[in-house]
Amino acid sequence: MKKANMMISTLSTAILLSITSGYSSAEGICKGMEKSSCATSTSCRWVKGYERSDGRSISGYCRKLPGKKPQSTADNGTNRKG
């Protein structure tokens, strides 16, 4: 019984890690890119450095472009009137 519980726990942890690592790698595609690499990427854009209202300086960084949300199957254009 103890061995089965440990296997379930290990499997659950592995599944959770695989799900979250996929998410973070998709989001982190642009993270840490230099300005020149970011500028040539089609999925990233460079954000200029700026100073916050509290006086803290923020360095420029590369950011992932927002993606289009998948269209729901309920609204695929076939239910429109006119």
PDB file of N, CA and C in Angstrom:
ATOM      1  N   MET A   1       0.826  -1.195   0.000  1.00  0.00           N
ATOM      2  CA  MET A   1       0.000   0.000   0.000  1.00  0.00           C
ATOM      3  C   MET A   1       0.871   1.261   0.000  1.00  0.00           C
ATOM      4  N   LYS A   2       1.900   1.237   0.840  1.00  0.00           N
ATOM      5  CA  LYS A   2       2.786   2.397   0.931  1.00  0.00           C
ATOM      6  C   LYS A   2       3.506   2.622  -0.397  1.00  0.00           C
ATOM      7  N   LYS A   3       3.899   1.520  -1.052  1.00  0.00           N
ATOM      8  CA  LYS A   3       4.588   1.611  -2.326  1.00  0.00           C
ATOM      9  C   LYS A   3       3.661   2.188  -3.406  1.00  0.00           C
ATOM     10  N   ALA A   4       2.395   1.812  -3.390  1.00  0.00           N
ATOM     11  CA  ALA A   4       1.417   2.326  -4.360  1.00  0.00           C
ATOM     12  C   ALA A   4       1.195   3.821  -4.162  1.00  0.00           C
ATOM     13  N   ASN A   5       1.079   4.257  -2.917  1.00  0.00           N
ATOM     14  CA  ASN A   5       0.907   5.683  -2.626  1.00  0.00           C
ATOM     15  C   ASN A   5       2.113   6.495  -3.102  1.00  0.00           C
ATOM     16  N   MET A   6       3.299   5.931  -2.919  1.00  0.00           N
ATOM     17  CA  MET A   6       4.500   6.633  -3.350  1.00  0.00           C
ATOM     18  C   MET A   6       4.551   6.727  -4.879  1.00  0.00           C
ATOM     19  N   MET A   7       4.137   5.684  -5.564  1.00  0.00           N
ATOM     20  CA  MET A   7       4.119   5.695  -7.031  1.00  0.00           C
ATOM     21  C   MET A   7       3.111   6.725  -7.544  1.00  0.00           C
ATOM     22  N   ILE A   8       1.948   6.794  -6.930  1.00  0.00           N
ATOM     23  CA  ILE A   8       0.921   7.765  -7.326  1.00  0.00           C
ATOM     24  C   ILE A   8       1.427   9.182  -7.098  1.00  0.00           C
ATOM     25  N   SER A   9       2.066   9.397  -5.975  1.00  0.00           N
ATOM     26  CA  SER A   9       2.614  10.712  -5.661  1.00  0.00           C
ATOM     27  C   SER A   9       3.693  11.110  -6.668  1.00  0.00           C
ATOM     28  N   THR A  10       4.575  10.189  -6.992  1.00  0.00           N
ATOM     29  CA  THR A  10       5.642  10.464  -7.952  1.00  0.00           C
ATOM     30  C   THR A  10       5.070  10.751  -9.335  1.00  0.00           C
ATOM     31  N   LEU A  11       4.098   9.959  -9.752  1.00  0.00           N
ATOM     32  CA  LEU A  11       3.467  10.159 -11.058  1.00  0.00           C
ATOM     33  C   LEU A  11       2.749  11.507 -11.119  1.00  0.00           C
ATOM     34  N   SER A  12       2.034  11.855 -10.059  1.00  0.00           N
ATOM     35  CA  SER A  12       1.344  13.146 -10.008  1.00  0.00           C
ATOM     36  C   SER A  12       2.325  14.300 -10.104  1.00  0.00           C
ATOM     37  N   THR A  13       3.425  14.194  -9.413  1.00  0.00           N
ATOM     38  CA  THR A  13       4.445  15.237  -9.455  1.00  0.00           C
ATOM     39  C   THR A  13       5.044  15.359 -10.854  1.00  0.00           C
ATOM     40  N   ALA A  14       5.311  14.224 -11.491  1.00  0.00           N
ATOM     41  CA  ALA A  14       5.876  14.243 -12.843  1.00  0.00           C
ATOM     42  C   ALA A  14       4.918  14.899 -13.827  1.00  0.00           C
ATOM     43  N   ILE A  15       3.635  14.589 -13.721  1.00  0.00           N
ATOM     44  CA  ILE A  15       2.639  15.193 -14.606  1.00  0.00           C
ATOM     45  C   ILE A  15       2.562  16.695 -14.379  1.00  0.00           C
ATOM     46  N   LEU A  16       2.516  17.110 -13.132  1.00  0.00           N
ATOM     47  CA  LEU A  16       2.455  18.528 -12.807  1.00  0.00           C
ATOM     48  C   LEU A  16       3.679  19.273 -13.333  1.00  0.00           C
ATOM     49  N   LEU A  17       4.846  18.703 -13.161  1.00  0.00           N
ATOM     50  CA  LEU A  17       6.070  19.350 -13.648  1.00  0.00           C
ATOM     51  C   LEU A  17       6.084  19.441 -15.168  1.00  0.00           C
ATOM     52  N   SER A  18       5.599  18.416 -15.848  1.00  0.00           N
ATOM     53  CA  SER A  18       5.604  18.470 -17.315  1.00  0.00           C
ATOM     54  C   SER A  18       4.632  19.525 -17.827  1.00  0.00           C
ATOM     55  N   ILE A  19       3.524  19.695 -17.144  1.00  0.00           N
ATOM     56  CA  ILE A  19       2.553  20.716 -17.548  1.00  0.00           C
ATOM     57  C   ILE A  19       3.117  22.110 -17.308  1.00  0.00           C
ATOM     58  N   THR A  20       3.655  22.349 -16.140  1.00  0.00           N
ATOM     59  CA  THR A  20       4.152  23.685 -15.810  1.00  0.00           C
ATOM     60  C   THR A  20       5.426  24.023 -16.557  1.00  0.00           C
ATOM     61  N   SER A  21       6.281  23.050 -16.845  1.00  0.00           N
ATOM     62  CA  SER A  21       7.507  23.365 -17.579  1.00  0.00           C
ATOM     63  C   SER A  21       7.187  23.725 -19.019  1.00  0.00           C
ATOM     64  N   GLY A  22       6.178  23.129 -19.612  1.00  0.00           N
ATOM     65  CA  GLY A  22       5.757  23.486 -20.959  1.00  0.00           C
ATOM     66  C   GLY A  22       5.243  24.900 -21.008  1.00  0.00           C
ATOM     67  N   TYR A  23       4.509  25.299 -19.993  1.00  0.00           N
ATOM     68  CA  TYR A  23       3.972  26.653 -19.934  1.00  0.00           C
ATOM     69  C   TYR A  23       5.092  27.670 -19.793  1.00  0.00           C
ATOM     70  N   SER A  24       6.010  27.421 -18.892  1.00  0.00           N
ATOM     71  CA  SER A  24       7.066  28.400 -18.670  1.00  0.00           C
ATOM     72  C   SER A  24       8.020  28.492 -19.848  1.00  0.00           C
ATOM     73  N   SER A  25       8.246  27.385 -20.550  1.00  0.00           N
ATOM     74  CA  SER A  25       9.136  27.474 -21.703  1.00  0.00           C
ATOM     75  C   SER A  25       8.470  28.241 -22.835  1.00  0.00           C
ATOM     76  N   ALA A  26       7.160  28.120 -22.973  1.00  0.00           N
ATOM     77  CA  ALA A  26       6.455  28.882 -24.005  1.00  0.00           C
ATOM     78  C   ALA A  26       6.486  30.373 -23.671  1.00  0.00           C
ATOM     79  N   GLU A  27       6.302  30.698 -22.409  1.00  0.00           N
ATOM     80  CA  GLU A  27       6.304  32.095 -22.006  1.00  0.00           C
ATOM     81  C   GLU A  27       7.703  32.673 -22.006  1.00  0.00           C
ATOM     82  N   GLY A  28       8.709  31.866 -21.742  1.00  0.00           N
ATOM     83  CA  GLY A  28      10.065  32.350 -21.596  1.00  0.00           C
ATOM     84  C   GLY A  28      10.872  32.321 -22.875  1.00  0.00           C
ATOM     85  N   ILE A  29      10.226  32.164 -24.020  1.00  0.00           N
ATOM     86  CA  ILE A  29      10.945  32.071 -25.289  1.00  0.00           C
ATOM     87  C   ILE A  29      11.796  33.310 -25.542  1.00  0.00           C
ATOM     88  N   CYS A  30      11.373  34.463 -25.107  1.00  0.00           N
ATOM     89  CA  CYS A  30      12.083  35.720 -25.358  1.00  0.00           C
ATOM     90  C   CYS A  30      12.921  36.172 -24.165  1.00  0.00           C
ATOM     91  N   LYS A  31      12.697  35.569 -23.029  1.00  0.00           N
ATOM     92  CA  LYS A  31      13.371  35.989 -21.806  1.00  0.00           C
ATOM     93  C   LYS A  31      14.887  35.851 -21.925  1.00  0.00           C
ATOM     94  N   GLY A  32      15.586  36.933 -21.638  1.00  0.00           N
ATOM     95  CA  GLY A  32      17.037  36.930 -21.646  1.00  0.00           C
ATOM     96  C   GLY A  32      17.664  37.191 -23.004  1.00  0.00           C
ATOM     97  N   MET A  33      16.855  37.394 -24.046  1.00  0.00           N
ATOM     98  CA  MET A  33      17.404  37.677 -25.379  1.00  0.00           C
ATOM     99  C   MET A  33      18.047  39.051 -25.404  1.00  0.00           C
ATOM    100  N   GLU A  34      19.116  39.151 -26.160  1.00  0.00           N
ATOM    101  CA  GLU A  34      19.751  40.444 -26.395  1.00  0.00           C
ATOM    102  C   GLU A  34      18.880  41.252 -27.349  1.00  0.00           C
ATOM    103  N   LYS A  35      19.095  42.561 -27.384  1.00  0.00           N
ATOM    104  CA  LYS A  35      18.283  43.447 -28.210  1.00  0.00           C
ATOM    105  C   LYS A  35      18.335  43.056 -29.689  1.00  0.00           C
ATOM    106  N   SER A  36      19.519  42.726 -30.195  1.00  0.00           N
ATOM    107  CA  SER A  36      19.652  42.394 -31.617  1.00  0.00           C
ATOM    108  C   SER A  36      18.900  41.113 -31.969  1.00  0.00           C
ATOM    109  N   SER A  37      18.968  40.107 -31.121  1.00  0.00           N
ATOM    110  CA  SER A  37      18.250  38.851 -31.367  1.00  0.00           C
ATOM    111  C   SER A  37      16.747  39.058 -31.256  1.00  0.00           C
ATOM    112  N   CYS A  38      16.345  39.853 -30.291  1.00  0.00           N
ATOM    113  CA  CYS A  38      14.934  40.125 -30.067  1.00  0.00           C
ATOM    114  C   CYS A  38      14.339  40.859 -31.267  1.00  0.00           C
ATOM    115  N   ALA A  39      15.091  41.787 -31.813  1.00  0.00           N
ATOM    116  CA  ALA A  39      14.604  42.586 -32.938  1.00  0.00           C
ATOM    117  C   ALA A  39      14.367  41.747 -34.181  1.00  0.00           C
ATOM    118  N   THR A  40      15.115  40.670 -34.347  1.00  0.00           N
ATOM    119  CA  THR A  40      14.949  39.824 -35.527  1.00  0.00           C
ATOM    120  C   THR A  40      13.947  38.694 -35.315  1.00  0.00           C
ATOM    121  N   SER A  41      13.488  38.512 -34.111  1.00  0.00           N
ATOM    122  CA  SER A  41      12.526  37.457 -33.809  1.00  0.00           C
ATOM    123  C   SER A  41      11.110  37.877 -34.217  1.00  0.00           C
ATOM    124  N   THR A  42      10.349  36.953 -34.756  1.00  0.00           N
ATOM    125  CA  THR A  42       8.964  37.257 -35.144  1.00  0.00           C
ATOM    126  C   THR A  42       7.993  37.066 -33.980  1.00  0.00           C
ATOM    127  N   SER A  43       8.455  36.459 -32.895  1.00  0.00           N
ATOM    128  CA  SER A  43       7.556  36.217 -31.769  1.00  0.00           C
ATOM    129  C   SER A  43       7.870  37.084 -30.554  1.00  0.00           C
ATOM    130  N   CYS A  44       8.825  38.001 -30.697  1.00  0.00           N
ATOM    131  CA  CYS A  44       9.232  38.845 -29.572  1.00  0.00           C
ATOM    132  C   CYS A  44       9.305  40.302 -30.001  1.00  0.00           C
ATOM    133  N   ARG A  45       9.342  41.185 -29.002  1.00  0.00           N
ATOM    134  CA  ARG A  45       9.583  42.599 -29.276  1.00  0.00           C
ATOM    135  C   ARG A  45      10.420  43.172 -28.145  1.00  0.00           C
ATOM    136  N   TRP A  46      11.188  44.216 -28.444  1.00  0.00           N
ATOM    137  CA  TRP A  46      12.050  44.853 -27.461  1.00  0.00           C
ATOM    138  C   TRP A  46      11.287  45.974 -26.760  1.00  0.00           C
ATOM    139  N   VAL A  47      11.341  45.981 -25.444  1.00  0.00           N
ATOM    140  CA  VAL A  47      10.735  47.042 -24.644  1.00  0.00           C
ATOM    141  C   VAL A  47      11.873  47.934 -24.160  1.00  0.00           C
ATOM    142  N   LYS A  48      11.791  49.225 -24.484  1.00  0.00           N
ATOM    143  CA  LYS A  48      12.836  50.169 -24.081  1.00  0.00           C
ATOM    144  C   LYS A  48      12.874  50.309 -22.572  1.00  0.00           C
ATOM    145  N   GLY A  49      14.040  50.618 -22.059  1.00  0.00           N
ATOM    146  CA  GLY A  49      14.180  50.887 -20.638  1.00  0.00           C
ATOM    147  C   GLY A  49      13.418  52.148 -20.260  1.00  0.00           C
ATOM    148  N   TYR A  50      13.038  52.243 -19.014  1.00  0.00           N
ATOM    149  CA  TYR A  50      12.274  53.404 -18.547  1.00  0.00           C
ATOM    150  C   TYR A  50      12.477  53.604 -17.058  1.00  0.00           C
ATOM    151  N   GLU A  51      11.997  54.725 -16.567  1.00  0.00           N
ATOM    152  CA  GLU A  51      12.065  55.006 -15.139  1.00  0.00           C
ATOM    153  C   GLU A  51      10.653  55.014 -14.572  1.00  0.00           C
ATOM    154  N   ARG A  52      10.456  54.228 -13.514  1.00  0.00           N
ATOM    155  CA  ARG A  52       9.142  54.161 -12.879  1.00  0.00           C
ATOM    156  C   ARG A  52       8.871  55.426 -12.084  1.00  0.00           C
ATOM    157  N   SER A  53       7.619  55.621 -11.721  1.00  0.00           N
ATOM    158  CA  SER A  53       7.232  56.825 -10.978  1.00  0.00           C
ATOM    159  C   SER A  53       7.896  56.883  -9.602  1.00  0.00           C
ATOM    160  N   ASP A  54       8.311  55.716  -9.071  1.00  0.00           N
ATOM    161  CA  ASP A  54       8.991  55.717  -7.771  1.00  0.00           C
ATOM    162  C   ASP A  54      10.498  55.950  -7.909  1.00  0.00           C
ATOM    163  N   GLY A  55      10.960  56.224  -9.148  1.00  0.00           N
ATOM    164  CA  GLY A  55      12.357  56.540  -9.379  1.00  0.00           C
ATOM    165  C   GLY A  55      13.228  55.352  -9.753  1.00  0.00           C
ATOM    166  N   ARG A  56      12.697  54.154  -9.690  1.00  0.00           N
ATOM    167  CA  ARG A  56      13.480  52.963 -10.016  1.00  0.00           C
ATOM    168  C   ARG A  56      13.656  52.845 -11.532  1.00  0.00           C
ATOM    169  N   SER A  57      14.888  52.571 -11.971  1.00  0.00           N
ATOM    170  CA  SER A  57      15.195  52.416 -13.390  1.00  0.00           C
ATOM    171  C   SER A  57      14.954  50.977 -13.821  1.00  0.00           C
ATOM    172  N   ILE A  58      14.262  50.791 -14.923  1.00  0.00           N
ATOM    173  CA  ILE A  58      14.011  49.481 -15.487  1.00  0.00           C
ATOM    174  C   ILE A  58      14.779  49.391 -16.804  1.00  0.00           C
ATOM    175  N   SER A  59      15.638  48.400 -16.921  1.00  0.00           N
ATOM    176  CA  SER A  59      16.421  48.203 -18.139  1.00  0.00           C
ATOM    177  C   SER A  59      15.534  47.667 -19.246  1.00  0.00           C
ATOM    178  N   GLY A  60      15.962  47.872 -20.492  1.00  0.00           N
ATOM    179  CA  GLY A  60      15.231  47.325 -21.623  1.00  0.00           C
ATOM    180  C   GLY A  60      15.233  45.802 -21.573  1.00  0.00           C
ATOM    181  N   TYR A  61      14.220  45.177 -22.147  1.00  0.00           N
ATOM    182  CA  TYR A  61      14.114  43.723 -22.132  1.00  0.00           C
ATOM    183  C   TYR A  61      13.285  43.237 -23.317  1.00  0.00           C
ATOM    184  N   CYS A  62      13.435  41.975 -23.608  1.00  0.00           N
ATOM    185  CA  CYS A  62      12.707  41.341 -24.699  1.00  0.00           C
ATOM    186  C   CYS A  62      11.437  40.709 -24.143  1.00  0.00           C
ATOM    187  N   ARG A  63      10.332  40.895 -24.852  1.00  0.00           N
ATOM    188  CA  ARG A  63       9.035  40.409 -24.381  1.00  0.00           C
ATOM    189  C   ARG A  63       8.344  39.623 -25.491  1.00  0.00           C
ATOM    190  N   LYS A  64       7.676  38.549 -25.111  1.00  0.00           N
ATOM    191  CA  LYS A  64       6.917  37.732 -26.056  1.00  0.00           C
ATOM    192  C   LYS A  64       5.705  38.513 -26.543  1.00  0.00           C
ATOM    193  N   LEU A  65       5.468  38.475 -27.841  1.00  0.00           N
ATOM    194  CA  LEU A  65       4.286  39.129 -28.392  1.00  0.00           C
ATOM    195  C   LEU A  65       3.043  38.386 -27.958  1.00  0.00           C
ATOM    196  N   PRO A  66       1.952  39.104 -27.734  1.00  0.00           N
ATOM    197  CA  PRO A  66       0.720  38.409 -27.365  1.00  0.00           C
ATOM    198  C   PRO A  66       0.226  37.568 -28.532  1.00  0.00           C
ATOM    199  N   GLY A  67      -0.265  36.397 -28.227  1.00  0.00           N
ATOM    200  CA  GLY A  67      -0.797  35.517 -29.269  1.00  0.00           C
ATOM    201  C   GLY A  67      -2.295  35.673 -29.379  1.00  0.00           C
ATOM    202  N   LYS A  68      -2.815  35.250 -30.506  1.00  0.00           N
ATOM    203  CA  LYS A  68      -4.261  35.286 -30.687  1.00  0.00           C
ATOM    204  C   LYS A  68      -4.869  34.149 -29.892  1.00  0.00           C
ATOM    205  N   LYS A  69      -5.991  34.424 -29.259  1.00  0.00           N
ATOM    206  CA  LYS A  69      -6.707  33.385 -28.543  1.00  0.00           C
ATOM    207  C   LYS A  69      -7.408  32.503 -29.560  1.00  0.00           C
ATOM    208  N   PRO A  70      -7.439  31.202 -29.314  1.00  0.00           N
ATOM    209  CA  PRO A  70      -8.133  30.332 -30.256  1.00  0.00           C
ATOM    210  C   PRO A  70      -9.620  30.642 -30.290  1.00  0.00           C
ATOM    211  N   GLN A  71     -10.188  30.631 -31.481  1.00  0.00           N
ATOM    212  CA  GLN A  71     -11.609  30.928 -31.633  1.00  0.00           C
ATOM    213  C   GLN A  71     -12.411  29.744 -31.101  1.00  0.00           C
ATOM    214  N   SER A  72     -13.450  30.035 -30.354  1.00  0.00           N
ATOM    215  CA  SER A  72     -14.261  28.952 -29.808  1.00  0.00           C
ATOM    216  C   SER A  72     -15.019  28.266 -30.935  1.00  0.00           C
ATOM    217  N   THR A  73     -15.317  26.990 -30.743  1.00  0.00           N
ATOM    218  CA  THR A  73     -16.034  26.246 -31.772  1.00  0.00           C
ATOM    219  C   THR A  73     -17.488  26.672 -31.843  1.00  0.00           C
ATOM    220  N   ALA A  74     -17.996  27.283 -30.770  1.00  0.00           N
ATOM    221  CA  ALA A  74     -19.385  27.742 -30.767  1.00  0.00           C
ATOM    222  C   ALA A  74     -19.561  28.939 -31.691  1.00  0.00           C
ATOM    223  N   ASP A  75     -18.518  29.742 -31.849  1.00  0.00           N
ATOM    224  CA  ASP A  75     -18.603  30.924 -32.709  1.00  0.00           C
ATOM    225  C   ASP A  75     -17.596  30.801 -33.841  1.00  0.00           C
ATOM    226  N   ASN A  76     -17.890  29.964 -34.805  1.00  0.00           N
ATOM    227  CA  ASN A  76     -16.969  29.762 -35.910  1.00  0.00           C
ATOM    228  C   ASN A  76     -17.392  30.498 -37.167  1.00  0.00           C
ATOM    229  N   GLY A  77     -18.330  31.440 -37.010  1.00  0.00           N
ATOM    230  CA  GLY A  77     -18.759  32.252 -38.139  1.00  0.00           C
ATOM    231  C   GLY A  77     -19.980  31.712 -38.853  1.00  0.00           C
ATOM    232  N   THR A  78     -20.395  30.495 -38.533  1.00  0.00           N
ATOM    233  CA  THR A  78     -21.533  29.905 -39.232  1.00  0.00           C
ATOM    234  C   THR A  78     -22.869  30.297 -38.621  1.00  0.00           C
ATOM    235  N   ASN A  79     -22.855  30.818 -37.408  1.00  0.00           N
ATOM    236  CA  ASN A  79     -24.094  31.152 -36.715  1.00  0.00           C
ATOM    237  C   ASN A  79     -24.479  32.619 -36.852  1.00  0.00           C
ATOM    238  N   ARG A  80     -23.797  33.342 -37.713  1.00  0.00           N
ATOM    239  CA  ARG A  80     -24.051  34.775 -37.852  1.00  0.00           C
ATOM    240  C   ARG A  80     -25.242  35.008 -38.759  1.00  0.00           C
ATOM    241  N   LYS A  81     -26.024  36.035 -38.396  1.00  0.00           N
ATOM    242  CA  LYS A  81     -27.182  36.405 -39.220  1.00  0.00           C
ATOM    243  C   LYS A  81     -26.751  37.430 -40.252  1.00  0.00           C
ATOM    244  N   GLY A  82     -27.378  37.375 -41.435  1.00  0.00           N
ATOM    245  CA  GLY A  82     -27.145  38.424 -42.431  1.00  0.00           C
ATOM    246  C   GLY A  82     -26.238  38.013 -43.435  1.00  0.00           C
TER     247      GLY A  82
END
